[in-house]
Amino acid sequence: MSHTEAGAPGSANHAIILKLSCPDGVGLLAKLTGFAAAEGMNLLEVHQFTDSLSGWFFARLAIDPGTVREDLAVIQEKFAAVARSMGAEWSIHDEAQRKRMAIFVSTVDHCLVDLLHRWRGEELPIEIPLVISNHEILRPLVEREGVPFHHIPVSTENKEAAFREMARLCRDQSIDVIVLARYMQIVPDWFCEEFAVRLINIHHSFLPAFVGANPYRRAYERGVKLIGATCHYATPDLDEGPIIDQEVVRVEHFHLPGDLLRLGRDCERLALARGVRYHVHDRVLIHGRKSIVFRD
């Protein structure tokens, strides 16, 4: 279910987002909208979904910030009582507070360039305080954008220390989300757990097909008719985290592996950009191994 009110008072280019999931029950949406009404808050957008198989309820409410009469901390404290009565996991976030994003990259630049372009064009409400790479090759491109570039080589001998340093940099910069923009290193389990549901990966395959390395070559060898890309949260289980978005393109019998690579990179850019946008706008809710995405 979705509802949008055009021309709402106090129009702004951001909203206060209330995101929630809990066991299903009668009157849950009424509790949410009733809370908003009691606080004098106007709803710009409402999404809700009930998974009948798992018996779980999901909701996202966008609130007009011009109708929020108290500090966000006060609203959060008041809503906590409502959330407890529902047994809910929840968050309330002001979109005006931009999420701080770190980008990890290796040598292939198409996803990095696309994210920087969307950031510069104000398509993504983010800040990018650092880019980390295990190679130096993309330093000029990143620094040209005025973004700090950190070269942290990774080898079998120093991998643990390298990722400890990356984690430290992300903590020091108060990073909200990390994007693996074709970062060609397997991330340690502890890193995935520390940044759980904040670590976004783009895999150059339509998962769950062709996990791991060289998916385009393996897709060519199988003669597939569709290839794609998958944006998902990285977890300790390689390429099996909750999927945020996917993109596909049809291929023909005469396409060679290089053609699949070219077509696939377009899919990667689109799937990653959408996945990042859904995440930073708090449109993704996680339940077990799957995600609920309230698309815009």
C-alpha atoms as a PDB file:
ATOM      1  CA  MET A   1       0.000   0.000   0.000  1.00  0.00           C
ATOM      2  CA  SER A   2       1.274   3.467  -0.763  1.00  0.00           C
ATOM      3  CA  HIS A   3      -0.136   6.933  -0.457  1.00  0.00           C
ATOM      4  CA  THR A   4       1.307  10.301  -1.370  1.00  0.00           C
ATOM      5  CA  GLU A   5      -0.218  13.679  -0.593  1.00  0.00           C
ATOM      6  CA  ALA A   6       0.640  16.303  -3.194  1.00  0.00           C
ATOM      7  CA  GLY A   7       1.152  19.870  -2.089  1.00  0.00           C
ATOM      8  CA  ALA A   8       1.498  19.028   1.594  1.00  0.00           C
ATOM      9  CA  PRO A   9       2.204  21.962   3.911  1.00  0.00           C
ATOM     10  CA  GLY A  10       5.759  22.838   4.810  1.00  0.00           C
ATOM     11  CA  SER A  11       7.046  21.241   1.631  1.00  0.00           C
ATOM     12  CA  ALA A  12      10.711  20.272   1.825  1.00  0.00           C
ATOM     13  CA  ASN A  13      13.111  18.180  -0.177  1.00  0.00           C
ATOM     14  CA  HIS A  14      13.576  15.803   2.718  1.00  0.00           C
ATOM     15  CA  ALA A  15      11.392  13.993   5.203  1.00  0.00           C
ATOM     16  CA  ILE A  16      11.504  12.360   8.610  1.00  0.00           C
ATOM     17  CA  ILE A  17      11.499   8.593   7.973  1.00  0.00           C
ATOM     18  CA  LEU A  18       9.971   6.116  10.402  1.00  0.00           C
ATOM     19  CA  LYS A  19      10.871   2.527   9.510  1.00  0.00           C
ATOM     20  CA  LEU A  20       9.532  -0.482  11.400  1.00  0.00           C
ATOM     21  CA  SER A  21       9.133  -4.263  11.338  1.00  0.00           C
ATOM     22  CA  CYS A  22       7.376  -6.488  13.869  1.00  0.00           C
ATOM     23  CA  PRO A  23       5.146  -9.566  14.250  1.00  0.00           C
ATOM     24  CA  ASP A  24       1.891  -9.091  12.364  1.00  0.00           C
ATOM     25  CA  GLY A  25      -1.295  -8.207  14.204  1.00  0.00           C
ATOM     26  CA  VAL A  26      -4.549  -6.285  13.982  1.00  0.00           C
ATOM     27  CA  GLY A  27      -4.398  -2.489  13.936  1.00  0.00           C
ATOM     28  CA  LEU A  28      -0.650  -2.034  13.505  1.00  0.00           C
ATOM     29  CA  LEU A  29      -0.895   0.569  10.758  1.00  0.00           C
ATOM     30  CA  ALA A  30      -3.546   2.385  12.794  1.00  0.00           C
ATOM     31  CA  LYS A  31      -1.105   2.593  15.708  1.00  0.00           C
ATOM     32  CA  LEU A  32       1.508   4.197  13.476  1.00  0.00           C
ATOM     33  CA  THR A  33      -0.777   6.680  11.782  1.00  0.00           C
ATOM     34  CA  GLY A  34      -2.507   7.366  15.101  1.00  0.00           C
ATOM     35  CA  PHE A  35       0.814   8.270  16.696  1.00  0.00           C
ATOM     36  CA  ALA A  36       1.588  10.639  13.821  1.00  0.00           C
ATOM     37  CA  ALA A  37      -1.847  12.257  14.072  1.00  0.00           C
ATOM     38  CA  ALA A  38      -1.590  12.666  17.847  1.00  0.00           C
ATOM     39  CA  GLU A  39       1.728  14.472  17.380  1.00  0.00           C
ATOM     40  CA  GLY A  40       0.272  16.714  14.662  1.00  0.00           C
ATOM     41  CA  MET A  41       2.522  15.238  11.985  1.00  0.00           C
ATOM     42  CA  ASN A  42       1.450  15.163   8.344  1.00  0.00           C
ATOM     43  CA  LEU A  43       2.276  11.988   6.415  1.00  0.00           C
ATOM     44  CA  LEU A  44       3.739  12.500   2.959  1.00  0.00           C
ATOM     45  CA  GLU A  45       4.072   8.808   2.130  1.00  0.00           C
ATOM     46  CA  VAL A  46       2.986   5.531   3.724  1.00  0.00           C
ATOM     47  CA  HIS A  47       4.094   2.033   2.727  1.00  0.00           C
ATOM     48  CA  GLN A  48       3.180  -1.182   4.487  1.00  0.00           C
ATOM     49  CA  PHE A  49       3.485  -4.870   3.707  1.00  0.00           C
ATOM     50  CA  THR A  50       2.528  -8.031   5.558  1.00  0.00           C
ATOM     51  CA  ASP A  51       4.379 -11.243   4.745  1.00  0.00           C
ATOM     52  CA  SER A  52       1.625 -13.776   5.263  1.00  0.00           C
ATOM     53  CA  LEU A  53       4.039 -16.722   5.189  1.00  0.00           C
ATOM     54  CA  SER A  54       6.270 -15.458   7.990  1.00  0.00           C
ATOM     55  CA  GLY A  55       3.570 -13.473   9.789  1.00  0.00           C
ATOM     56  CA  TRP A  56       5.681 -10.319   9.778  1.00  0.00           C
ATOM     57  CA  PHE A  57       4.652  -6.702   9.274  1.00  0.00           C
ATOM     58  CA  PHE A  58       6.780  -4.005   7.609  1.00  0.00           C
ATOM     59  CA  ALA A  59       6.133  -0.272   7.323  1.00  0.00           C
ATOM     60  CA  ARG A  60       7.789   2.966   6.220  1.00  0.00           C
ATOM     61  CA  LEU A  61       6.294   6.392   6.885  1.00  0.00           C
ATOM     62  CA  ALA A  62       7.621   9.657   5.434  1.00  0.00           C
ATOM     63  CA  ILE A  63       6.686  12.606   7.654  1.00  0.00           C
ATOM     64  CA  ASP A  64       6.584  16.264   6.617  1.00  0.00           C
ATOM     65  CA  PRO A  65       9.371  17.878   8.692  1.00  0.00           C
ATOM     66  CA  GLY A  66       7.444  21.147   8.715  1.00  0.00           C
ATOM     67  CA  THR A  67       4.814  19.503  10.912  1.00  0.00           C
ATOM     68  CA  VAL A  68       7.228  18.008  13.465  1.00  0.00           C
ATOM     69  CA  ARG A  69       6.925  20.250  16.505  1.00  0.00           C
ATOM     70  CA  GLU A  70       9.585  18.717  18.746  1.00  0.00           C
ATOM     71  CA  ASP A  71      13.203  17.641  18.530  1.00  0.00           C
ATOM     72  CA  LEU A  72      13.782  14.297  16.862  1.00  0.00           C
ATOM     73  CA  ALA A  73      15.163  12.853  20.113  1.00  0.00           C
ATOM     74  CA  VAL A  74      11.871  13.662  21.854  1.00  0.00           C
ATOM     75  CA  ILE A  75       9.851  12.054  19.050  1.00  0.00           C
ATOM     76  CA  GLN A  76      12.051   8.956  19.241  1.00  0.00           C
ATOM     77  CA  GLU A  77      11.553   8.721  23.009  1.00  0.00           C
ATOM     78  CA  LYS A  78       7.778   9.024  22.645  1.00  0.00           C
ATOM     79  CA  PHE A  79       7.606   6.467  19.852  1.00  0.00           C
ATOM     80  CA  ALA A  80       9.687   3.947  21.805  1.00  0.00           C
ATOM     81  CA  ALA A  81       6.646   3.136  23.954  1.00  0.00           C
ATOM     82  CA  VAL A  82       4.533   2.454  20.859  1.00  0.00           C
ATOM     83  CA  ALA A  83       7.285   0.262  19.379  1.00  0.00           C
ATOM     84  CA  ARG A  84       7.564  -1.762  22.594  1.00  0.00           C
ATOM     85  CA  SER A  85       3.846  -2.502  22.508  1.00  0.00           C
ATOM     86  CA  MET A  86       4.317  -3.882  18.985  1.00  0.00           C
ATOM     87  CA  GLY A  87       7.508  -5.830  19.694  1.00  0.00           C
ATOM     88  CA  ALA A  88       9.092  -3.870  16.876  1.00  0.00           C
ATOM     89  CA  GLU A  89      12.519  -3.095  15.497  1.00  0.00           C
ATOM     90  CA  TRP A  90      12.423   0.509  14.325  1.00  0.00           C
ATOM     91  CA  SER A  91      14.296   3.669  13.466  1.00  0.00           C
ATOM     92  CA  ILE A  92      13.439   7.332  12.960  1.00  0.00           C
ATOM     93  CA  HIS A  93      15.844   9.297  10.774  1.00  0.00           C
ATOM     94  CA  ASP A  94      15.863  12.817   9.361  1.00  0.00           C
ATOM     95  CA  GLU A  95      16.843  12.693   5.685  1.00  0.00           C
ATOM     96  CA  ALA A  96      18.351  16.153   6.070  1.00  0.00           C
ATOM     97  CA  GLN A  97      21.167  14.443   7.985  1.00  0.00           C
ATOM     98  CA  ARG A  98      23.074  12.989   5.061  1.00  0.00           C
ATOM     99  CA  LYS A  99      24.533   9.528   5.438  1.00  0.00           C
ATOM    100  CA  ARG A 100      28.315   9.343   5.303  1.00  0.00           C
ATOM    101  CA  MET A 101      29.442   6.818   2.703  1.00  0.00           C
ATOM    102  CA  ALA A 102      32.832   5.165   2.187  1.00  0.00           C
ATOM    103  CA  ILE A 103      33.598   3.571  -1.170  1.00  0.00           C
ATOM    104  CA  PHE A 104      35.961   0.597  -1.499  1.00  0.00           C
ATOM    105  CA  VAL A 105      37.294   0.011  -5.018  1.00  0.00           C
ATOM    106  CA  SER A 106      40.083  -1.890  -6.774  1.00  0.00           C
ATOM    107  CA  THR A 107      41.008  -1.085 -10.413  1.00  0.00           C
ATOM    108  CA  VAL A 108      37.720  -1.081 -12.340  1.00  0.00           C
ATOM    109  CA  ASP A 109      36.191   2.382 -12.161  1.00  0.00           C
ATOM    110  CA  HIS A 110      32.696   2.299 -13.728  1.00  0.00           C
ATOM    111  CA  CYS A 111      30.731   1.903 -10.484  1.00  0.00           C
ATOM    112  CA  LEU A 112      32.934   4.403  -8.654  1.00  0.00           C
ATOM    113  CA  VAL A 113      32.544   6.993 -11.435  1.00  0.00           C
ATOM    114  CA  ASP A 114      28.775   6.523 -11.499  1.00  0.00           C
ATOM    115  CA  LEU A 115      28.450   6.998  -7.731  1.00  0.00           C
ATOM    116  CA  LEU A 116      30.647  10.116  -7.791  1.00  0.00           C
ATOM    117  CA  HIS A 117      28.560  11.516 -10.652  1.00  0.00           C
ATOM    118  CA  ARG A 118      25.290  10.934  -8.792  1.00  0.00           C
ATOM    119  CA  TRP A 119      26.781  12.433  -5.623  1.00  0.00           C
ATOM    120  CA  ARG A 120      27.947  15.554  -7.488  1.00  0.00           C
ATOM    121  CA  GLY A 121      24.565  15.837  -9.195  1.00  0.00           C
ATOM    122  CA  GLU A 122      22.726  15.679  -5.840  1.00  0.00           C
ATOM    123  CA  GLU A 123      20.944  12.461  -6.864  1.00  0.00           C
ATOM    124  CA  LEU A 124      22.154  10.775  -3.696  1.00  0.00           C
ATOM    125  CA  PRO A 125      21.810  12.567  -0.327  1.00  0.00           C
ATOM    126  CA  ILE A 126      25.224  11.470   0.921  1.00  0.00           C
ATOM    127  CA  GLU A 127      28.663  12.675   1.912  1.00  0.00           C
ATOM    128  CA  ILE A 128      31.748  10.794   0.706  1.00  0.00           C
ATOM    129  CA  PRO A 129      34.565  11.434   3.192  1.00  0.00           C
ATOM    130  CA  LEU A 130      36.837   8.673   1.924  1.00  0.00           C
ATOM    131  CA  VAL A 131      37.579   6.197  -0.838  1.00  0.00           C
ATOM    132  CA  ILE A 132      39.753   3.182  -0.020  1.00  0.00           C
ATOM    133  CA  SER A 133      41.528   1.073  -2.624  1.00  0.00           C
ATOM    134  CA  ASN A 134      44.005  -1.784  -2.637  1.00  0.00           C
ATOM    135  CA  HIS A 135      45.597  -0.184  -5.735  1.00  0.00           C
ATOM    136  CA  GLU A 136      46.860   3.312  -6.583  1.00  0.00           C
ATOM    137  CA  ILE A 137      45.463   3.444 -10.113  1.00  0.00           C
ATOM    138  CA  LEU A 138      42.256   5.356  -9.274  1.00  0.00           C
ATOM    139  CA  ARG A 139      43.835   7.970  -6.987  1.00  0.00           C
ATOM    140  CA  PRO A 140      43.889  10.780  -9.627  1.00  0.00           C
ATOM    141  CA  LEU A 141      40.218  10.223 -10.486  1.00  0.00           C
ATOM    142  CA  VAL A 142      39.142  10.364  -6.831  1.00  0.00           C
ATOM    143  CA  GLU A 143      41.317  13.267  -5.764  1.00  0.00           C
ATOM    144  CA  ARG A 144      40.111  15.270  -8.773  1.00  0.00           C
ATOM    145  CA  GLU A 145      36.706  15.178  -7.061  1.00  0.00           C
ATOM    146  CA  GLY A 146      38.193  16.504  -3.824  1.00  0.00           C
ATOM    147  CA  VAL A 147      37.629  13.203  -1.997  1.00  0.00           C
ATOM    148  CA  PRO A 148      40.379  11.772   0.242  1.00  0.00           C
ATOM    149  CA  PHE A 149      41.901   8.611  -1.238  1.00  0.00           C
ATOM    150  CA  HIS A 150      43.497   5.943   0.963  1.00  0.00           C
ATOM    151  CA  HIS A 151      45.714   3.279  -0.586  1.00  0.00           C
ATOM    152  CA  ILE A 152      45.719   0.174   1.611  1.00  0.00           C
ATOM    153  CA  PRO A 153      47.406  -2.758  -0.164  1.00  0.00           C
ATOM    154  CA  VAL A 154      46.026  -6.192   0.666  1.00  0.00           C
ATOM    155  CA  SER A 155      48.029  -9.417   0.492  1.00  0.00           C
ATOM    156  CA  THR A 156      47.824 -12.817   2.104  1.00  0.00           C
ATOM    157  CA  GLU A 157      50.393 -11.713   4.677  1.00  0.00           C
ATOM    158  CA  ASN A 158      48.792  -8.391   5.698  1.00  0.00           C
ATOM    159  CA  LYS A 159      45.078  -8.917   5.035  1.00  0.00           C
ATOM    160  CA  GLU A 160      43.992  -8.879   8.677  1.00  0.00           C
ATOM    161  CA  ALA A 161      45.962  -5.723   9.463  1.00  0.00           C
ATOM    162  CA  ALA A 162      44.738  -4.038   6.279  1.00  0.00           C
ATOM    163  CA  PHE A 163      41.084  -4.586   7.101  1.00  0.00           C
ATOM    164  CA  ARG A 164      41.657  -3.503  10.711  1.00  0.00           C
ATOM    165  CA  GLU A 165      43.008  -0.228   9.329  1.00  0.00           C
ATOM    166  CA  MET A 166      40.023   0.132   6.977  1.00  0.00           C
ATOM    167  CA  ALA A 167      37.641  -0.437   9.876  1.00  0.00           C
ATOM    168  CA  ARG A 168      39.485   2.178  11.939  1.00  0.00           C
ATOM    169  CA  LEU A 169      39.221   4.743   9.141  1.00  0.00           C
ATOM    170  CA  CYS A 170      35.502   4.074   8.813  1.00  0.00           C
ATOM    171  CA  ARG A 171      34.973   4.453  12.548  1.00  0.00           C
ATOM    172  CA  ASP A 172      37.049   7.650  12.679  1.00  0.00           C
ATOM    173  CA  GLN A 173      34.963   9.128   9.859  1.00  0.00           C
ATOM    174  CA  SER A 174      31.636   8.029  11.436  1.00  0.00           C
ATOM    175  CA  ILE A 175      30.772   6.121   8.275  1.00  0.00           C
ATOM    176  CA  ASP A 176      27.103   5.115   7.966  1.00  0.00           C
ATOM    177  CA  VAL A 177      27.397   2.907   4.886  1.00  0.00           C
ATOM    178  CA  ILE A 178      30.249   1.235   2.993  1.00  0.00           C
ATOM    179  CA  VAL A 179      29.902   0.442  -0.718  1.00  0.00           C
ATOM    180  CA  LEU A 180      32.044  -2.249  -2.303  1.00  0.00           C
ATOM    181  CA  ALA A 181      32.145  -0.764  -5.807  1.00  0.00           C
ATOM    182  CA  ARG A 182      33.799  -3.740  -7.503  1.00  0.00           C
ATOM    183  CA  TYR A 183      36.254  -4.110  -4.620  1.00  0.00           C
ATOM    184  CA  MET A 184      37.926  -7.385  -5.542  1.00  0.00           C
ATOM    185  CA  GLN A 185      38.837  -8.694  -2.112  1.00  0.00           C
ATOM    186  CA  ILE A 186      36.870 -11.101   0.079  1.00  0.00           C
ATOM    187  CA  VAL A 187      35.873  -9.165   3.190  1.00  0.00           C
ATOM    188  CA  PRO A 188      36.611 -10.909   6.525  1.00  0.00           C
ATOM    189  CA  ASP A 189      33.683 -12.265   8.516  1.00  0.00           C
ATOM    190  CA  TRP A 190      34.309  -9.936  11.463  1.00  0.00           C
ATOM    191  CA  PHE A 191      34.220  -6.903   9.146  1.00  0.00           C
ATOM    192  CA  CYS A 192      30.870  -8.016   7.679  1.00  0.00           C
ATOM    193  CA  GLU A 193      29.501  -8.470  11.188  1.00  0.00           C
ATOM    194  CA  GLU A 194      30.750  -5.113  12.496  1.00  0.00           C
ATOM    195  CA  PHE A 195      29.187  -3.269   9.564  1.00  0.00           C
ATOM    196  CA  ALA A 196      26.166  -5.537   9.161  1.00  0.00           C
ATOM    197  CA  VAL A 197      23.379  -4.060   7.002  1.00  0.00           C
ATOM    198  CA  ARG A 198      25.736  -1.146   6.285  1.00  0.00           C
ATOM    199  CA  LEU A 199      27.994  -2.985   3.834  1.00  0.00           C
ATOM    200  CA  ILE A 200      26.669  -2.943   0.267  1.00  0.00           C
ATOM    201  CA  ASN A 201      28.200  -5.004  -2.526  1.00  0.00           C
ATOM    202  CA  ILE A 202      27.633  -5.137  -6.275  1.00  0.00           C
ATOM    203  CA  HIS A 203      28.086  -8.620  -7.723  1.00  0.00           C
ATOM    204  CA  HIS A 204      28.492  -8.949 -11.487  1.00  0.00           C
ATOM    205  CA  SER A 205      25.949 -11.746 -11.798  1.00  0.00           C
ATOM    206  CA  PHE A 206      22.217 -12.260 -11.383  1.00  0.00           C
ATOM    207  CA  LEU A 207      22.446 -14.077  -8.060  1.00  0.00           C
ATOM    208  CA  PRO A 208      22.097 -16.825  -7.012  1.00  0.00           C
ATOM    209  CA  ALA A 209      23.585 -17.862 -10.369  1.00  0.00           C
ATOM    210  CA  PHE A 210      27.359 -17.703 -10.855  1.00  0.00           C
ATOM    211  CA  VAL A 211      28.578 -16.704  -7.410  1.00  0.00           C
ATOM    212  CA  GLY A 212      32.257 -15.929  -6.947  1.00  0.00           C
ATOM    213  CA  ALA A 213      34.777 -14.972  -9.612  1.00  0.00           C
ATOM    214  CA  ASN A 214      34.534 -14.736 -13.436  1.00  0.00           C
ATOM    215  CA  PRO A 215      30.721 -14.909 -13.707  1.00  0.00           C
ATOM    216  CA  TYR A 216      30.604 -13.453 -17.239  1.00  0.00           C
ATOM    217  CA  ARG A 217      32.971 -16.096 -18.574  1.00  0.00           C
ATOM    218  CA  ARG A 218      30.918 -18.842 -16.916  1.00  0.00           C
ATOM    219  CA  ALA A 219      27.678 -17.302 -18.217  1.00  0.00           C
ATOM    220  CA  TYR A 220      29.154 -17.310 -21.748  1.00  0.00           C
ATOM    221  CA  GLU A 221      30.192 -20.934 -21.410  1.00  0.00           C
ATOM    222  CA  ARG A 222      26.651 -21.881 -20.339  1.00  0.00           C
ATOM    223  CA  GLY A 223      25.088 -19.938 -23.217  1.00  0.00           C
ATOM    224  CA  VAL A 224      22.713 -18.016 -20.973  1.00  0.00           C
ATOM    225  CA  LYS A 225      20.187 -15.657 -22.599  1.00  0.00           C
ATOM    226  CA  LEU A 226      20.088 -13.168 -19.734  1.00  0.00           C
ATOM    227  CA  ILE A 227      22.902 -11.753 -17.642  1.00  0.00           C
ATOM    228  CA  GLY A 228      22.622  -9.307 -14.798  1.00  0.00           C
ATOM    229  CA  ALA A 229      24.009  -7.731 -11.668  1.00  0.00           C
ATOM    230  CA  THR A 230      22.960  -7.944  -8.032  1.00  0.00           C
ATOM    231  CA  CYS A 231      23.236  -5.297  -5.342  1.00  0.00           C
ATOM    232  CA  HIS A 232      23.137  -6.935  -1.930  1.00  0.00           C
ATOM    233  CA  TYR A 233      24.294  -6.594   1.655  1.00  0.00           C
ATOM    234  CA  ALA A 234      27.603  -8.349   2.240  1.00  0.00           C
ATOM    235  CA  THR A 235      27.586 -11.047   4.915  1.00  0.00           C
ATOM    236  CA  PRO A 236      30.072 -13.720   6.000  1.00  0.00           C
ATOM    237  CA  ASP A 237      28.382 -16.049   3.486  1.00  0.00           C
ATOM    238  CA  LEU A 238      29.951 -15.026   0.164  1.00  0.00           C
ATOM    239  CA  ASP A 239      27.433 -13.448  -2.263  1.00  0.00           C
ATOM    240  CA  GLU A 240      24.456 -14.684  -0.201  1.00  0.00           C
ATOM    241  CA  GLY A 241      23.446 -11.547   1.712  1.00  0.00           C
ATOM    242  CA  PRO A 242      19.960  -9.987   1.433  1.00  0.00           C
ATOM    243  CA  ILE A 243      19.350  -8.682  -2.098  1.00  0.00           C
ATOM    244  CA  ILE A 244      18.456  -5.003  -2.473  1.00  0.00           C
ATOM    245  CA  ASP A 245      18.171  -4.678  -6.251  1.00  0.00           C
ATOM    246  CA  GLN A 246      18.932  -6.518  -9.493  1.00  0.00           C
ATOM    247  CA  GLU A 247      19.219  -5.555 -13.150  1.00  0.00           C
ATOM    248  CA  VAL A 248      19.250  -7.794 -16.244  1.00  0.00           C
ATOM    249  CA  VAL A 249      19.922  -7.492 -19.969  1.00  0.00           C
ATOM    250  CA  ARG A 250      19.288  -9.956 -22.795  1.00  0.00           C
ATOM    251  CA  VAL A 251      22.298 -11.410 -24.620  1.00  0.00           C
ATOM    252  CA  GLU A 252      22.504 -13.035 -28.016  1.00  0.00           C
ATOM    253  CA  HIS A 253      24.283 -16.118 -29.340  1.00  0.00           C
ATOM    254  CA  PHE A 254      26.864 -13.981 -31.142  1.00  0.00           C
ATOM    255  CA  HIS A 255      27.914 -12.051 -28.026  1.00  0.00           C
ATOM    256  CA  LEU A 256      31.444 -12.867 -26.909  1.00  0.00           C
ATOM    257  CA  PRO A 257      32.690 -12.674 -23.286  1.00  0.00           C
ATOM    258  CA  GLY A 258      33.823  -9.082 -23.919  1.00  0.00           C
ATOM    259  CA  ASP A 259      30.294  -8.156 -25.004  1.00  0.00           C
ATOM    260  CA  LEU A 260      28.865  -9.699 -21.844  1.00  0.00           C
ATOM    261  CA  LEU A 261      31.354  -7.687 -19.814  1.00  0.00           C
ATOM    262  CA  ARG A 262      30.306  -4.458 -21.566  1.00  0.00           C
ATOM    263  CA  LEU A 263      26.587  -5.137 -21.165  1.00  0.00           C
ATOM    264  CA  GLY A 264      27.026  -6.354 -17.612  1.00  0.00           C
ATOM    265  CA  ARG A 265      28.758  -3.189 -16.482  1.00  0.00           C
ATOM    266  CA  ASP A 266      25.682  -1.182 -17.417  1.00  0.00           C
ATOM    267  CA  CYS A 267      23.647  -3.528 -15.222  1.00  0.00           C
ATOM    268  CA  GLU A 268      26.136  -3.110 -12.384  1.00  0.00           C
ATOM    269  CA  ARG A 269      25.926   0.685 -12.458  1.00  0.00           C
ATOM    270  CA  LEU A 270      22.131   0.710 -12.421  1.00  0.00           C
ATOM    271  CA  ALA A 271      21.647  -1.960  -9.770  1.00  0.00           C
ATOM    272  CA  LEU A 272      24.224  -0.402  -7.456  1.00  0.00           C
ATOM    273  CA  ALA A 273      22.872   3.137  -7.852  1.00  0.00           C
ATOM    274  CA  ARG A 274      19.330   1.999  -7.085  1.00  0.00           C
ATOM    275  CA  GLY A 275      20.447  -0.148  -4.174  1.00  0.00           C
ATOM    276  CA  VAL A 276      22.420   2.696  -2.626  1.00  0.00           C
ATOM    277  CA  ARG A 277      19.505   5.089  -3.113  1.00  0.00           C
ATOM    278  CA  TYR A 278      17.048   2.715  -1.454  1.00  0.00           C
ATOM    279  CA  HIS A 279      19.428   2.251   1.460  1.00  0.00           C
ATOM    280  CA  VAL A 280      20.208   5.912   2.120  1.00  0.00           C
ATOM    281  CA  HIS A 281      16.507   6.798   1.893  1.00  0.00           C
ATOM    282  CA  ASP A 282      15.697   4.083   4.466  1.00  0.00           C
ATOM    283  CA  ARG A 283      13.580   2.099   2.013  1.00  0.00           C
ATOM    284  CA  VAL A 284      15.064  -1.309   2.912  1.00  0.00           C
ATOM    285  CA  LEU A 285      13.987  -3.544   5.782  1.00  0.00           C
ATOM    286  CA  ILE A 286      15.715  -6.855   6.526  1.00  0.00           C
ATOM    287  CA  HIS A 287      14.004 -10.002   7.713  1.00  0.00           C
ATOM    288  CA  GLY A 288      16.242 -13.028   7.948  1.00  0.00           C
ATOM    289  CA  ARG A 289      18.015 -13.587   4.638  1.00  0.00           C
ATOM    290  CA  LYS A 290      15.678 -11.446   2.540  1.00  0.00           C
ATOM    291  CA  SER A 291      14.901  -7.770   2.179  1.00  0.00           C
ATOM    292  CA  ILE A 292      11.704  -5.787   1.807  1.00  0.00           C
ATOM    293  CA  VAL A 293      12.269  -2.764  -0.441  1.00  0.00           C
ATOM    294  CA  PHE A 294       9.692   0.023  -0.648  1.00  0.00           C
ATOM    295  CA  ARG A 295      10.772   1.440  -4.002  1.00  0.00           C
ATOM    296  CA  ASP A 296      10.274   5.065  -4.986  1.00  0.00           C
END
